[in-house]
Amino acid sequence: MSEIARVNKSVASNTRRKSNSDLVMPWWVWAIVLVGAFLLGAGGFIALVHPAMFASPQDEINGAVRIYAGYVAARDLGLAIMLIAALSLRAKGALNMMMLLIALIQILDALIDLQEGRYLIVPGVLVLGLLFFAGAARLSGYPFWKVGAWKLAN
């Protein structure tokens, strides 16, 4: 076998090994993504079908509320679908960015919940956001405040 053929075979083998190992994700990242997708999907479905579940019993559900519930449904269902798609395709770069986006949304949701006095749900929303940040950090190798977390090219 010539030297060039041996080098080409070695490079191809290393490339295959690298891409196969890049596809491996820890079980807990899978769990966070699946639980998050389920919660987003459930929230989107509830907003679409019965938006009164998100309001107090004395609140009126009018046309404006239904419009905003439709926006929440579109946002949540779209995010859930993209999470599952990125996970099933093992697209680490896309999954990393989705996880960063969802984590940011959860943190902003928690801040709005605090401002509006919904204190009981703030811990759960914050924990979900922090779990998504941790999963994204595991996928990219960087915490969200480092530029490398946002520049993953997978």
C-alpha atoms as a PDB file:
ATOM      1  CA  MET A   1       0.000   0.000   0.000  1.00  0.00           C
ATOM      2  CA  SER A   2       1.419   3.389  -0.897  1.00  0.00           C
ATOM      3  CA  GLU A   3       2.076   6.033   1.724  1.00  0.00           C
ATOM      4  CA  ILE A   4      -0.637   8.328   0.295  1.00  0.00           C
ATOM      5  CA  ALA A   5      -3.259   5.574   0.343  1.00  0.00           C
ATOM      6  CA  ARG A   6      -2.375   4.730   3.955  1.00  0.00           C
ATOM      7  CA  VAL A   7      -2.648   8.398   5.013  1.00  0.00           C
ATOM      8  CA  ASN A   8      -5.980   8.803   3.195  1.00  0.00           C
ATOM      9  CA  LYS A   9      -7.333   5.661   4.873  1.00  0.00           C
ATOM     10  CA  SER A  10      -6.164   6.923   8.270  1.00  0.00           C
ATOM     11  CA  VAL A  11      -7.775  10.337   7.738  1.00  0.00           C
ATOM     12  CA  ALA A  12     -11.066   8.731   6.633  1.00  0.00           C
ATOM     13  CA  SER A  13     -11.025   6.438   9.658  1.00  0.00           C
ATOM     14  CA  ASN A  14     -10.345   9.322  12.051  1.00  0.00           C
ATOM     15  CA  THR A  15     -13.082  11.418  10.445  1.00  0.00           C
ATOM     16  CA  ARG A  16     -15.588   8.576  10.832  1.00  0.00           C
ATOM     17  CA  ARG A  17     -14.588   8.030  14.437  1.00  0.00           C
ATOM     18  CA  LYS A  18     -14.827  11.729  15.225  1.00  0.00           C
ATOM     19  CA  SER A  19     -18.243  12.156  13.669  1.00  0.00           C
ATOM     20  CA  ASN A  20     -19.576   9.032  15.431  1.00  0.00           C
ATOM     21  CA  SER A  21     -18.281  10.235  18.813  1.00  0.00           C
ATOM     22  CA  ASP A  22     -19.706  13.696  18.159  1.00  0.00           C
ATOM     23  CA  LEU A  23     -23.159  12.129  17.933  1.00  0.00           C
ATOM     24  CA  VAL A  24     -23.004  10.701  21.454  1.00  0.00           C
ATOM     25  CA  MET A  25     -24.837  12.801  24.023  1.00  0.00           C
ATOM     26  CA  PRO A  26     -25.180  12.045  27.724  1.00  0.00           C
ATOM     27  CA  TRP A  27     -28.487  10.563  28.835  1.00  0.00           C
ATOM     28  CA  TRP A  28     -29.256  13.575  31.016  1.00  0.00           C
ATOM     29  CA  VAL A  29     -29.090  15.941  28.015  1.00  0.00           C
ATOM     30  CA  TRP A  30     -31.577  13.664  26.226  1.00  0.00           C
ATOM     31  CA  ALA A  31     -33.776  13.709  29.342  1.00  0.00           C
ATOM     32  CA  ILE A  32     -33.708  17.509  29.627  1.00  0.00           C
ATOM     33  CA  VAL A  33     -34.578  17.908  25.949  1.00  0.00           C
ATOM     34  CA  LEU A  34     -37.400  15.349  26.083  1.00  0.00           C
ATOM     35  CA  VAL A  35     -38.912  16.760  29.302  1.00  0.00           C
ATOM     36  CA  GLY A  36     -38.558  20.305  27.975  1.00  0.00           C
ATOM     37  CA  ALA A  37     -40.157  19.375  24.648  1.00  0.00           C
ATOM     38  CA  PHE A  38     -43.010  17.651  26.483  1.00  0.00           C
ATOM     39  CA  LEU A  39     -43.617  20.676  28.737  1.00  0.00           C
ATOM     40  CA  LEU A  40     -43.458  23.105  25.810  1.00  0.00           C
ATOM     41  CA  GLY A  41     -45.774  20.900  23.757  1.00  0.00           C
ATOM     42  CA  ALA A  42     -48.239  20.550  26.619  1.00  0.00           C
ATOM     43  CA  GLY A  43     -48.188  24.303  27.259  1.00  0.00           C
ATOM     44  CA  GLY A  44     -48.737  25.020  23.578  1.00  0.00           C
ATOM     45  CA  PHE A  45     -51.581  22.531  23.356  1.00  0.00           C
ATOM     46  CA  ILE A  46     -53.276  23.934  26.486  1.00  0.00           C
ATOM     47  CA  ALA A  47     -52.907  27.508  25.202  1.00  0.00           C
ATOM     48  CA  LEU A  48     -54.535  26.453  21.948  1.00  0.00           C
ATOM     49  CA  VAL A  49     -57.366  24.344  23.347  1.00  0.00           C
ATOM     50  CA  HIS A  50     -58.170  25.815  26.779  1.00  0.00           C
ATOM     51  CA  PRO A  51     -56.356  29.126  27.480  1.00  0.00           C
ATOM     52  CA  ALA A  52     -58.417  29.681  30.642  1.00  0.00           C
ATOM     53  CA  MET A  53     -56.123  27.177  32.398  1.00  0.00           C
ATOM     54  CA  PHE A  54     -53.386  29.840  32.347  1.00  0.00           C
ATOM     55  CA  ALA A  55     -55.565  32.501  33.981  1.00  0.00           C
ATOM     56  CA  SER A  56     -57.207  33.015  37.347  1.00  0.00           C
ATOM     57  CA  PRO A  57     -60.824  31.855  37.638  1.00  0.00           C
ATOM     58  CA  GLN A  58     -62.056  35.455  37.902  1.00  0.00           C
ATOM     59  CA  ASP A  59     -60.199  36.572  34.723  1.00  0.00           C
ATOM     60  CA  GLU A  60     -62.228  37.067  31.555  1.00  0.00           C
ATOM     61  CA  ILE A  61     -61.141  35.082  28.503  1.00  0.00           C
ATOM     62  CA  ASN A  62     -61.877  37.374  25.576  1.00  0.00           C
ATOM     63  CA  GLY A  63     -60.739  37.691  21.975  1.00  0.00           C
ATOM     64  CA  ALA A  64     -57.469  39.421  22.903  1.00  0.00           C
ATOM     65  CA  VAL A  65     -56.561  36.655  25.341  1.00  0.00           C
ATOM     66  CA  ARG A  66     -57.276  34.047  22.681  1.00  0.00           C
ATOM     67  CA  ILE A  67     -55.023  35.875  20.200  1.00  0.00           C
ATOM     68  CA  TYR A  68     -52.117  35.934  22.655  1.00  0.00           C
ATOM     69  CA  ALA A  69     -52.791  32.326  23.618  1.00  0.00           C
ATOM     70  CA  GLY A  70     -52.444  31.493  19.921  1.00  0.00           C
ATOM     71  CA  TYR A  71     -49.045  33.206  19.881  1.00  0.00           C
ATOM     72  CA  VAL A  72     -47.973  31.230  22.956  1.00  0.00           C
ATOM     73  CA  ALA A  73     -49.166  28.020  21.313  1.00  0.00           C
ATOM     74  CA  ALA A  74     -47.246  28.760  18.121  1.00  0.00           C
ATOM     75  CA  ARG A  75     -44.077  29.623  20.071  1.00  0.00           C
ATOM     76  CA  ASP A  76     -44.204  26.623  22.376  1.00  0.00           C
ATOM     77  CA  LEU A  77     -45.234  24.057  19.762  1.00  0.00           C
ATOM     78  CA  GLY A  78     -42.608  25.352  17.322  1.00  0.00           C
ATOM     79  CA  LEU A  79     -39.876  25.117  19.949  1.00  0.00           C
ATOM     80  CA  ALA A  80     -40.981  21.619  20.986  1.00  0.00           C
ATOM     81  CA  ILE A  81     -40.987  20.392  17.386  1.00  0.00           C
ATOM     82  CA  MET A  82     -37.542  21.860  16.693  1.00  0.00           C
ATOM     83  CA  LEU A  83     -36.117  20.356  19.897  1.00  0.00           C
ATOM     84  CA  ILE A  84     -37.329  16.889  18.925  1.00  0.00           C
ATOM     85  CA  ALA A  85     -36.128  17.348  15.333  1.00  0.00           C
ATOM     86  CA  ALA A  86     -32.631  18.466  16.405  1.00  0.00           C
ATOM     87  CA  LEU A  87     -32.418  15.648  18.948  1.00  0.00           C
ATOM     88  CA  SER A  88     -33.574  12.963  16.511  1.00  0.00           C
ATOM     89  CA  LEU A  89     -31.139  14.206  13.851  1.00  0.00           C
ATOM     90  CA  ARG A  90     -28.404  14.439  16.496  1.00  0.00           C
ATOM     91  CA  ALA A  91     -27.674  17.944  15.213  1.00  0.00           C
ATOM     92  CA  LYS A  92     -25.590  19.116  18.149  1.00  0.00           C
ATOM     93  CA  GLY A  93     -25.147  22.653  16.834  1.00  0.00           C
ATOM     94  CA  ALA A  94     -28.847  23.189  16.252  1.00  0.00           C
ATOM     95  CA  LEU A  95     -29.736  21.497  19.532  1.00  0.00           C
ATOM     96  CA  ASN A  96     -27.222  23.648  21.394  1.00  0.00           C
ATOM     97  CA  MET A  97     -28.734  26.841  19.955  1.00  0.00           C
ATOM     98  CA  MET A  98     -32.282  25.667  20.666  1.00  0.00           C
ATOM     99  CA  MET A  99     -31.329  24.871  24.249  1.00  0.00           C
ATOM    100  CA  LEU A 100     -29.714  28.299  24.685  1.00  0.00           C
ATOM    101  CA  LEU A 101     -32.796  30.005  23.250  1.00  0.00           C
ATOM    102  CA  ILE A 102     -35.208  28.035  25.438  1.00  0.00           C
ATOM    103  CA  ALA A 103     -33.061  28.661  28.523  1.00  0.00           C
ATOM    104  CA  LEU A 104     -33.132  32.392  27.824  1.00  0.00           C
ATOM    105  CA  ILE A 105     -36.912  32.289  27.310  1.00  0.00           C
ATOM    106  CA  GLN A 106     -37.335  30.445  30.616  1.00  0.00           C
ATOM    107  CA  ILE A 107     -35.224  32.990  32.500  1.00  0.00           C
ATOM    108  CA  LEU A 108     -37.209  35.862  30.968  1.00  0.00           C
ATOM    109  CA  ASP A 109     -40.465  34.041  31.807  1.00  0.00           C
ATOM    110  CA  ALA A 110     -39.283  33.703  35.424  1.00  0.00           C
ATOM    111  CA  LEU A 111     -38.481  37.433  35.610  1.00  0.00           C
ATOM    112  CA  ILE A 112     -41.929  38.300  34.246  1.00  0.00           C
ATOM    113  CA  ASP A 113     -43.533  35.853  36.697  1.00  0.00           C
ATOM    114  CA  LEU A 114     -41.676  37.576  39.543  1.00  0.00           C
ATOM    115  CA  GLN A 115     -42.745  41.005  38.366  1.00  0.00           C
ATOM    116  CA  GLU A 116     -46.386  39.895  38.096  1.00  0.00           C
ATOM    117  CA  GLY A 117     -46.418  38.129  41.464  1.00  0.00           C
ATOM    118  CA  ARG A 118     -46.652  34.498  40.330  1.00  0.00           C
ATOM    119  CA  TYR A 119     -44.055  33.427  42.883  1.00  0.00           C
ATOM    120  CA  LEU A 120     -45.052  29.764  43.132  1.00  0.00           C
ATOM    121  CA  ILE A 121     -44.041  28.894  39.564  1.00  0.00           C
ATOM    122  CA  VAL A 122     -40.779  30.883  39.484  1.00  0.00           C
ATOM    123  CA  PRO A 123     -38.570  28.098  40.952  1.00  0.00           C
ATOM    124  CA  GLY A 124     -39.766  25.519  38.414  1.00  0.00           C
ATOM    125  CA  VAL A 125     -39.295  27.879  35.478  1.00  0.00           C
ATOM    126  CA  LEU A 126     -35.816  28.868  36.722  1.00  0.00           C
ATOM    127  CA  VAL A 127     -34.761  25.249  37.234  1.00  0.00           C
ATOM    128  CA  LEU A 128     -35.875  24.354  33.710  1.00  0.00           C
ATOM    129  CA  GLY A 129     -33.925  27.302  32.302  1.00  0.00           C
ATOM    130  CA  LEU A 130     -30.801  26.386  34.264  1.00  0.00           C
ATOM    131  CA  LEU A 131     -31.059  22.755  33.144  1.00  0.00           C
ATOM    132  CA  PHE A 132     -31.227  23.888  29.526  1.00  0.00           C
ATOM    133  CA  PHE A 133     -28.164  26.102  30.070  1.00  0.00           C
ATOM    134  CA  ALA A 134     -26.324  23.122  31.594  1.00  0.00           C
ATOM    135  CA  GLY A 135     -27.274  20.857  28.686  1.00  0.00           C
ATOM    136  CA  ALA A 136     -26.156  23.460  26.146  1.00  0.00           C
ATOM    137  CA  ALA A 137     -22.861  23.858  28.008  1.00  0.00           C
ATOM    138  CA  ARG A 138     -22.340  20.091  27.825  1.00  0.00           C
ATOM    139  CA  LEU A 139     -23.057  20.034  24.092  1.00  0.00           C
ATOM    140  CA  SER A 140     -20.817  22.972  23.207  1.00  0.00           C
ATOM    141  CA  GLY A 141     -18.149  22.575  25.867  1.00  0.00           C
ATOM    142  CA  TYR A 142     -18.647  26.188  27.009  1.00  0.00           C
ATOM    143  CA  PRO A 143     -20.982  27.932  29.477  1.00  0.00           C
ATOM    144  CA  PHE A 144     -23.498  30.284  27.874  1.00  0.00           C
ATOM    145  CA  TRP A 145     -21.579  33.429  28.792  1.00  0.00           C
ATOM    146  CA  LYS A 146     -18.569  32.316  26.703  1.00  0.00           C
ATOM    147  CA  VAL A 147     -18.557  33.071  22.969  1.00  0.00           C
ATOM    148  CA  GLY A 148     -17.739  29.428  22.160  1.00  0.00           C
ATOM    149  CA  ALA A 149     -21.219  28.349  23.345  1.00  0.00           C
ATOM    150  CA  TRP A 150     -22.775  30.488  20.622  1.00  0.00           C
ATOM    151  CA  LYS A 151     -20.314  29.612  17.856  1.00  0.00           C
ATOM    152  CA  LEU A 152     -20.580  25.805  17.856  1.00  0.00           C
ATOM    153  CA  ALA A 153     -20.291  24.843  14.214  1.00  0.00           C
ATOM    154  CA  ASN A 154     -21.699  21.284  14.361  1.00  0.00           C
END
